[in-house]
PDB file of all heavy atoms in Angstrom:
ATOM      1  N   LYS A   1      -7.960  15.320 -28.223  1.00  0.00           N
ATOM      2  CA  LYS A   1      -6.668  15.161 -27.544  1.00  0.00           C
ATOM      3  C   LYS A   1      -6.907  14.343 -26.267  1.00  0.00           C
ATOM      4  O   LYS A   1      -7.809  14.658 -25.499  1.00  0.00           O
ATOM      5  CB  LYS A   1      -6.085  16.529 -27.182  1.00  0.00           C
ATOM      6  CG  LYS A   1      -5.863  17.445 -28.387  1.00  0.00           C
ATOM      7  CD  LYS A   1      -5.198  18.745 -27.998  1.00  0.00           C
ATOM      8  CE  LYS A   1      -6.087  19.616 -27.140  1.00  0.00           C
ATOM      9  NZ  LYS A   1      -5.451  20.920 -26.803  1.00  0.00           N
ATOM     10  N   ILE A   2      -6.089  13.310 -26.066  1.00  0.00           N
ATOM     11  CA  ILE A   2      -6.304  12.401 -24.934  1.00  0.00           C
ATOM     12  C   ILE A   2      -5.002  12.173 -24.174  1.00  0.00           C
ATOM     13  O   ILE A   2      -3.955  11.943 -24.777  1.00  0.00           O
ATOM     14  CB  ILE A   2      -6.868  11.038 -25.394  1.00  0.00           C
ATOM     15  CG1 ILE A   2      -8.166  11.218 -26.191  1.00  0.00           C
ATOM     16  CG2 ILE A   2      -7.116  10.128 -24.200  1.00  0.00           C
ATOM     17  CD1 ILE A   2      -8.752   9.919 -26.694  1.00  0.00           C
ATOM     18  N   GLY A   3      -5.106  12.221 -22.852  1.00  0.00           N
ATOM     19  CA  GLY A   3      -4.014  11.836 -21.971  1.00  0.00           C
ATOM     20  C   GLY A   3      -4.496  10.844 -20.940  1.00  0.00           C
ATOM     21  O   GLY A   3      -5.625  10.944 -20.452  1.00  0.00           O
ATOM     22  N   VAL A   4      -3.666   9.868 -20.602  1.00  0.00           N
ATOM     23  CA  VAL A   4      -4.037   8.823 -19.646  1.00  0.00           C
ATOM     24  C   VAL A   4      -2.901   8.634 -18.646  1.00  0.00           C
ATOM     25  O   VAL A   4      -1.732   8.576 -19.020  1.00  0.00           O
ATOM     26  CB  VAL A   4      -4.327   7.473 -20.346  1.00  0.00           C
ATOM     27  CG1 VAL A   4      -4.980   6.500 -19.364  1.00  0.00           C
ATOM     28  CG2 VAL A   4      -5.214   7.658 -21.566  1.00  0.00           C
ATOM     29  N   HIS A   5      -3.272   8.537 -17.375  1.00  0.00           N
ATOM     30  CA  HIS A   5      -2.294   8.354 -16.308  1.00  0.00           C
ATOM     31  C   HIS A   5      -2.960   7.555 -15.190  1.00  0.00           C
ATOM     32  O   HIS A   5      -4.201   7.501 -15.101  1.00  0.00           O
ATOM     33  CB  HIS A   5      -1.822   9.720 -15.794  1.00  0.00           C
ATOM     34  CG  HIS A   5      -0.777   9.652 -14.719  1.00  0.00           C
ATOM     35  ND1 HIS A   5       0.280   8.778 -14.739  1.00  0.00           N
ATOM     36  CD2 HIS A   5      -0.640  10.380 -13.554  1.00  0.00           C
ATOM     37  CE1 HIS A   5       1.032   8.968 -13.661  1.00  0.00           C
ATOM     38  NE2 HIS A   5       0.490   9.921 -12.927  1.00  0.00           N
ATOM     39  N   ALA A   6      -2.161   6.923 -14.342  1.00  0.00           N
ATOM     40  CA  ALA A   6      -2.701   6.159 -13.220  1.00  0.00           C
ATOM     41  C   ALA A   6      -1.794   6.319 -12.010  1.00  0.00           C
ATOM     42  O   ALA A   6      -0.595   6.538 -12.132  1.00  0.00           O
ATOM     43  CB  ALA A   6      -2.850   4.685 -13.579  1.00  0.00           C
ATOM     44  N   GLY A   7      -2.398   6.194 -10.835  1.00  0.00           N
ATOM     45  CA  GLY A   7      -1.638   6.307  -9.598  1.00  0.00           C
ATOM     46  C   GLY A   7      -2.571   6.502  -8.428  1.00  0.00           C
ATOM     47  O   GLY A   7      -3.791   6.420  -8.550  1.00  0.00           O
ATOM     48  N   PRO A   8      -2.022   6.783  -7.248  1.00  0.00           N
ATOM     49  CA  PRO A   8      -2.845   6.982  -6.050  1.00  0.00           C
ATOM     50  C   PRO A   8      -3.589   8.299  -6.099  1.00  0.00           C
ATOM     51  O   PRO A   8      -3.138   9.274  -6.682  1.00  0.00           O
ATOM     52  CB  PRO A   8      -1.824   6.963  -4.910  1.00  0.00           C
ATOM     53  CG  PRO A   8      -0.544   7.400  -5.548  1.00  0.00           C
ATOM     54  CD  PRO A   8      -0.583   6.869  -6.952  1.00  0.00           C
ATOM     55  N   SER A   9      -4.762   8.314  -5.462  1.00  0.00           N
ATOM     56  CA  SER A   9      -5.580   9.513  -5.467  1.00  0.00           C
ATOM     57  C   SER A   9      -6.407   9.562  -4.189  1.00  0.00           C
ATOM     58  O   SER A   9      -6.363   8.640  -3.372  1.00  0.00           O
ATOM     59  CB  SER A   9      -6.507   9.521  -6.693  1.00  0.00           C
ATOM     60  OG  SER A   9      -7.330  10.667  -6.704  1.00  0.00           O
ATOM     61  N   ILE A  10      -7.154  10.641  -4.024  1.00  0.00           N
ATOM     62  CA  ILE A  10      -8.072  10.800  -2.902  1.00  0.00           C
ATOM     63  C   ILE A  10      -9.470  11.003  -3.469  1.00  0.00           C
ATOM     64  O   ILE A  10      -9.676  11.851  -4.337  1.00  0.00           O
ATOM     65  CB  ILE A  10      -7.681  11.994  -2.015  1.00  0.00           C
ATOM     66  CG1 ILE A  10      -6.336  11.720  -1.328  1.00  0.00           C
ATOM     67  CG2 ILE A  10      -8.753  12.251  -0.966  1.00  0.00           C
ATOM     68  CD1 ILE A  10      -5.818  12.888  -0.540  1.00  0.00           C
ATOM     69  N   ALA A  11     -10.424  10.193  -3.007  1.00  0.00           N
ATOM     70  CA  ALA A  11     -11.819  10.348  -3.415  1.00  0.00           C
ATOM     71  C   ALA A  11     -12.518  11.238  -2.405  1.00  0.00           C
ATOM     72  O   ALA A  11     -12.389  11.046  -1.190  1.00  0.00           O
ATOM     73  CB  ALA A  11     -12.507   8.988  -3.485  1.00  0.00           C
ATOM     74  N   VAL A  12     -13.260  12.204  -2.897  1.00  0.00           N
ATOM     75  CA  VAL A  12     -13.987  13.140  -2.048  1.00  0.00           C
ATOM     76  C   VAL A  12     -15.348  13.412  -2.676  1.00  0.00           C
ATOM     77  O   VAL A  12     -15.607  13.039  -3.820  1.00  0.00           O
ATOM     78  CB  VAL A  12     -13.222  14.480  -1.875  1.00  0.00           C
ATOM     79  CG1 VAL A  12     -11.865  14.255  -1.238  1.00  0.00           C
ATOM     80  CG2 VAL A  12     -13.074  15.192  -3.218  1.00  0.00           C
ATOM     81  N   THR A  13     -16.193  14.080  -1.920  1.00  0.00           N
ATOM     82  CA  THR A  13     -17.456  14.568  -2.466  1.00  0.00           C
ATOM     83  C   THR A  13     -17.290  16.045  -2.800  1.00  0.00           C
ATOM     84  O   THR A  13     -16.920  16.840  -1.936  1.00  0.00           O
ATOM     85  CB  THR A  13     -18.602  14.386  -1.460  1.00  0.00           C
ATOM     86  OG1 THR A  13     -18.789  12.985  -1.237  1.00  0.00           O
ATOM     87  CG2 THR A  13     -19.892  14.981  -1.994  1.00  0.00           C
ATOM     88  N   LEU A  14     -17.558  16.381  -4.039  1.00  0.00           N
ATOM     89  CA  LEU A  14     -17.470  17.766  -4.482  1.00  0.00           C
ATOM     90  C   LEU A  14     -18.645  18.045  -5.408  1.00  0.00           C
ATOM     91  O   LEU A  14     -18.895  17.292  -6.354  1.00  0.00           O
ATOM     92  CB  LEU A  14     -16.145  18.025  -5.217  1.00  0.00           C
ATOM     93  CG  LEU A  14     -15.909  19.456  -5.685  1.00  0.00           C
ATOM     94  CD1 LEU A  14     -15.717  20.393  -4.493  1.00  0.00           C
ATOM     95  CD2 LEU A  14     -14.696  19.540  -6.608  1.00  0.00           C
ATOM     96  N   ASN A  15     -19.374  19.121  -5.124  1.00  0.00           N
ATOM     97  CA  ASN A  15     -20.550  19.473  -5.931  1.00  0.00           C
ATOM     98  C   ASN A  15     -21.530  18.302  -6.026  1.00  0.00           C
ATOM     99  O   ASN A  15     -22.063  18.002  -7.095  1.00  0.00           O
ATOM    100  CB  ASN A  15     -20.122  19.934  -7.328  1.00  0.00           C
ATOM    101  CG  ASN A  15     -19.283  21.201  -7.280  1.00  0.00           C
ATOM    102  OD1 ASN A  15     -19.479  22.051  -6.417  1.00  0.00           O
ATOM    103  ND2 ASN A  15     -18.323  21.304  -8.194  1.00  0.00           N
ATOM    104  N   ASP A  16     -21.705  17.620  -4.893  1.00  0.00           N
ATOM    105  CA  ASP A  16     -22.686  16.521  -4.779  1.00  0.00           C
ATOM    106  C   ASP A  16     -22.366  15.336  -5.673  1.00  0.00           C
ATOM    107  O   ASP A  16     -23.269  14.605  -6.104  1.00  0.00           O
ATOM    108  CB  ASP A  16     -24.102  17.029  -5.083  1.00  0.00           C
ATOM    109  CG  ASP A  16     -24.563  18.061  -4.083  1.00  0.00           C
ATOM    110  OD1 ASP A  16     -24.196  17.932  -2.897  1.00  0.00           O
ATOM    111  OD2 ASP A  16     -25.282  19.002  -4.488  1.00  0.00           O
ATOM    112  N   ARG A  17     -21.084  15.115  -5.950  1.00  0.00           N
ATOM    113  CA  ARG A  17     -20.706  13.914  -6.713  1.00  0.00           C
ATOM    114  C   ARG A  17     -19.334  13.454  -6.240  1.00  0.00           C
ATOM    115  O   ARG A  17     -18.552  14.222  -5.671  1.00  0.00           O
ATOM    116  CB  ARG A  17     -20.681  14.197  -8.220  1.00  0.00           C
ATOM    117  CG  ARG A  17     -19.593  15.169  -8.646  1.00  0.00           C
ATOM    118  CD  ARG A  17     -19.353  15.146 -10.152  1.00  0.00           C
ATOM    119  NE  ARG A  17     -18.393  16.173 -10.509  1.00  0.00           N
ATOM    120  CZ  ARG A  17     -18.694  17.338 -11.045  1.00  0.00           C
ATOM    121  NH1 ARG A  17     -19.958  17.632 -11.320  1.00  0.00           N
ATOM    122  NH2 ARG A  17     -17.737  18.213 -11.332  1.00  0.00           N
ATOM    123  N   LEU A  18     -19.030  12.181  -6.496  1.00  0.00           N
ATOM    124  CA  LEU A  18     -17.721  11.644  -6.180  1.00  0.00           C
ATOM    125  C   LEU A  18     -16.702  12.178  -7.169  1.00  0.00           C
ATOM    126  O   LEU A  18     -16.893  12.128  -8.384  1.00  0.00           O
ATOM    127  CB  LEU A  18     -17.744  10.113  -6.245  1.00  0.00           C
ATOM    128  CG  LEU A  18     -18.336   9.383  -5.046  1.00  0.00           C
ATOM    129  CD1 LEU A  18     -18.411   7.893  -5.327  1.00  0.00           C
ATOM    130  CD2 LEU A  18     -17.511   9.633  -3.805  1.00  0.00           C
ATOM    131  N   ASP A  19     -15.598  12.680  -6.641  1.00  0.00           N
ATOM    132  CA  ASP A  19     -14.544  13.234  -7.486  1.00  0.00           C
ATOM    133  C   ASP A  19     -13.200  12.776  -6.950  1.00  0.00           C
ATOM    134  O   ASP A  19     -13.114  12.169  -5.874  1.00  0.00           O
ATOM    135  CB  ASP A  19     -14.641  14.764  -7.486  1.00  0.00           C
ATOM    136  CG  ASP A  19     -14.070  15.380  -8.757  1.00  0.00           C
ATOM    137  OD1 ASP A  19     -13.258  14.700  -9.422  1.00  0.00           O
ATOM    138  OD2 ASP A  19     -14.419  16.526  -9.075  1.00  0.00           O
ATOM    139  N   TYR A  20     -12.144  13.063  -7.716  1.00  0.00           N
ATOM    140  CA  TYR A  20     -10.807  12.625  -7.339  1.00  0.00           C
ATOM    141  C   TYR A  20      -9.861  13.816  -7.338  1.00  0.00           C
ATOM    142  O   TYR A  20      -9.937  14.691  -8.208  1.00  0.00           O
ATOM    143  CB  TYR A  20     -10.306  11.553  -8.315  1.00  0.00           C
ATOM    144  CG  TYR A  20     -11.216  10.350  -8.371  1.00  0.00           C
ATOM    145  CD1 TYR A  20     -12.183  10.242  -9.369  1.00  0.00           C
ATOM    146  CD2 TYR A  20     -11.137   9.349  -7.415  1.00  0.00           C
ATOM    147  CE1 TYR A  20     -13.040   9.156  -9.407  1.00  0.00           C
ATOM    148  CE2 TYR A  20     -11.996   8.255  -7.451  1.00  0.00           C
ATOM    149  CZ  TYR A  20     -12.940   8.166  -8.446  1.00  0.00           C
ATOM    150  OH  TYR A  20     -13.787   7.092  -8.488  1.00  0.00           O
ATOM    151  N   PHE A  21      -8.958  13.820  -6.340  1.00  0.00           N
ATOM    152  CA  PHE A  21      -8.010  14.911  -6.210  1.00  0.00           C
ATOM    153  C   PHE A  21      -6.637  14.359  -5.863  1.00  0.00           C
ATOM    154  O   PHE A  21      -6.500  13.235  -5.395  1.00  0.00           O
ATOM    155  CB  PHE A  21      -8.470  15.895  -5.123  1.00  0.00           C
ATOM    156  CG  PHE A  21      -9.509  16.858  -5.603  1.00  0.00           C
ATOM    157  CD1 PHE A  21     -10.853  16.510  -5.577  1.00  0.00           C
ATOM    158  CD2 PHE A  21      -9.158  18.091  -6.111  1.00  0.00           C
ATOM    159  CE1 PHE A  21     -11.818  17.381  -6.032  1.00  0.00           C
ATOM    160  CE2 PHE A  21     -10.123  18.966  -6.579  1.00  0.00           C
ATOM    161  CZ  PHE A  21     -11.452  18.616  -6.533  1.00  0.00           C
ATOM    162  N   GLY A  22      -5.617  15.184  -6.105  1.00  0.00           N
ATOM    163  CA  GLY A  22      -4.252  14.813  -5.762  1.00  0.00           C
ATOM    164  C   GLY A  22      -3.303  15.125  -6.886  1.00  0.00           C
ATOM    165  O   GLY A  22      -3.694  15.519  -7.999  1.00  0.00           O
ATOM    166  N   SER A  23      -2.016  14.952  -6.623  1.00  0.00           N
ATOM    167  CA  SER A  23      -0.992  15.279  -7.627  1.00  0.00           C
ATOM    168  C   SER A  23      -1.117  14.385  -8.849  1.00  0.00           C
ATOM    169  O   SER A  23      -0.822  14.817  -9.976  1.00  0.00           O
ATOM    170  CB  SER A  23       0.400  15.138  -7.003  1.00  0.00           C
ATOM    171  OG  SER A  23       0.593  13.826  -6.486  1.00  0.00           O
ATOM    172  N   MET A  24      -1.563  13.141  -8.660  1.00  0.00           N
ATOM    173  CA  MET A  24      -1.748  12.257  -9.811  1.00  0.00           C
ATOM    174  C   MET A  24      -2.801  12.809 -10.757  1.00  0.00           C
ATOM    175  O   MET A  24      -2.646  12.767 -11.986  1.00  0.00           O
ATOM    176  CB  MET A  24      -2.157  10.861  -9.323  1.00  0.00           C
ATOM    177  CG  MET A  24      -2.236   9.795 -10.433  1.00  0.00           C
ATOM    178  SD  MET A  24      -3.726   9.803 -11.454  1.00  0.00           S
ATOM    179  CE  MET A  24      -4.929   9.241 -10.292  1.00  0.00           C
ATOM    180  N   VAL A  25      -3.892  13.351 -10.198  1.00  0.00           N
ATOM    181  CA  VAL A  25      -4.954  13.918 -11.022  1.00  0.00           C
ATOM    182  C   VAL A  25      -4.428  15.123 -11.806  1.00  0.00           C
ATOM    183  O   VAL A  25      -4.697  15.279 -13.002  1.00  0.00           O
ATOM    184  CB  VAL A  25      -6.156  14.311 -10.147  1.00  0.00           C
ATOM    185  CG1 VAL A  25      -7.291  14.872 -11.011  1.00  0.00           C
ATOM    186  CG2 VAL A  25      -6.647  13.117  -9.344  1.00  0.00           C
ATOM    187  N   ASN A  26      -3.670  15.968 -11.126  1.00  0.00           N
ATOM    188  CA  ASN A  26      -3.099  17.139 -11.797  1.00  0.00           C
ATOM    189  C   ASN A  26      -2.181  16.722 -12.930  1.00  0.00           C
ATOM    190  O   ASN A  26      -2.219  17.298 -14.025  1.00  0.00           O
ATOM    191  CB  ASN A  26      -2.332  17.998 -10.789  1.00  0.00           C
ATOM    192  CG  ASN A  26      -3.242  18.619  -9.745  1.00  0.00           C
ATOM    193  OD1 ASN A  26      -4.426  18.832  -9.989  1.00  0.00           O
ATOM    194  ND2 ASN A  26      -2.700  18.888  -8.571  1.00  0.00           N
ATOM    195  N   LEU A  27      -1.346  15.698 -12.693  1.00  0.00           N
ATOM    196  CA  LEU A  27      -0.430  15.253 -13.738  1.00  0.00           C
ATOM    197  C   LEU A  27      -1.194  14.647 -14.912  1.00  0.00           C
ATOM    198  O   LEU A  27      -0.823  14.857 -16.084  1.00  0.00           O
ATOM    199  CB  LEU A  27       0.558  14.238 -13.167  1.00  0.00           C
ATOM    200  CG  LEU A  27       1.610  13.687 -14.149  1.00  0.00           C
ATOM    201  CD1 LEU A  27       2.389  14.811 -14.810  1.00  0.00           C
ATOM    202  CD2 LEU A  27       2.544  12.706 -13.442  1.00  0.00           C
ATOM    203  N   ALA A  28      -2.266  13.914 -14.636  1.00  0.00           N
ATOM    204  CA  ALA A  28      -3.066  13.333 -15.721  1.00  0.00           C
ATOM    205  C   ALA A  28      -3.616  14.429 -16.622  1.00  0.00           C
ATOM    206  O   ALA A  28      -3.610  14.304 -17.857  1.00  0.00           O
ATOM    207  CB  ALA A  28      -4.204  12.494 -15.138  1.00  0.00           C
ATOM    208  N   ALA A  29      -4.097  15.519 -16.027  1.00  0.00           N
ATOM    209  CA  ALA A  29      -4.606  16.637 -16.830  1.00  0.00           C
ATOM    210  C   ALA A  29      -3.501  17.288 -17.636  1.00  0.00           C
ATOM    211  O   ALA A  29      -3.693  17.675 -18.800  1.00  0.00           O
ATOM    212  CB  ALA A  29      -5.274  17.659 -15.910  1.00  0.00           C
TER     213      ALA A  29
END
């Protein structure tokens, strides 16, 4: 099962890696 979305996000360091957060990320999931 695949979903794809795009938009603005925030890049942060989480668990020693680059990750992305924000409402766009939640909607993509």
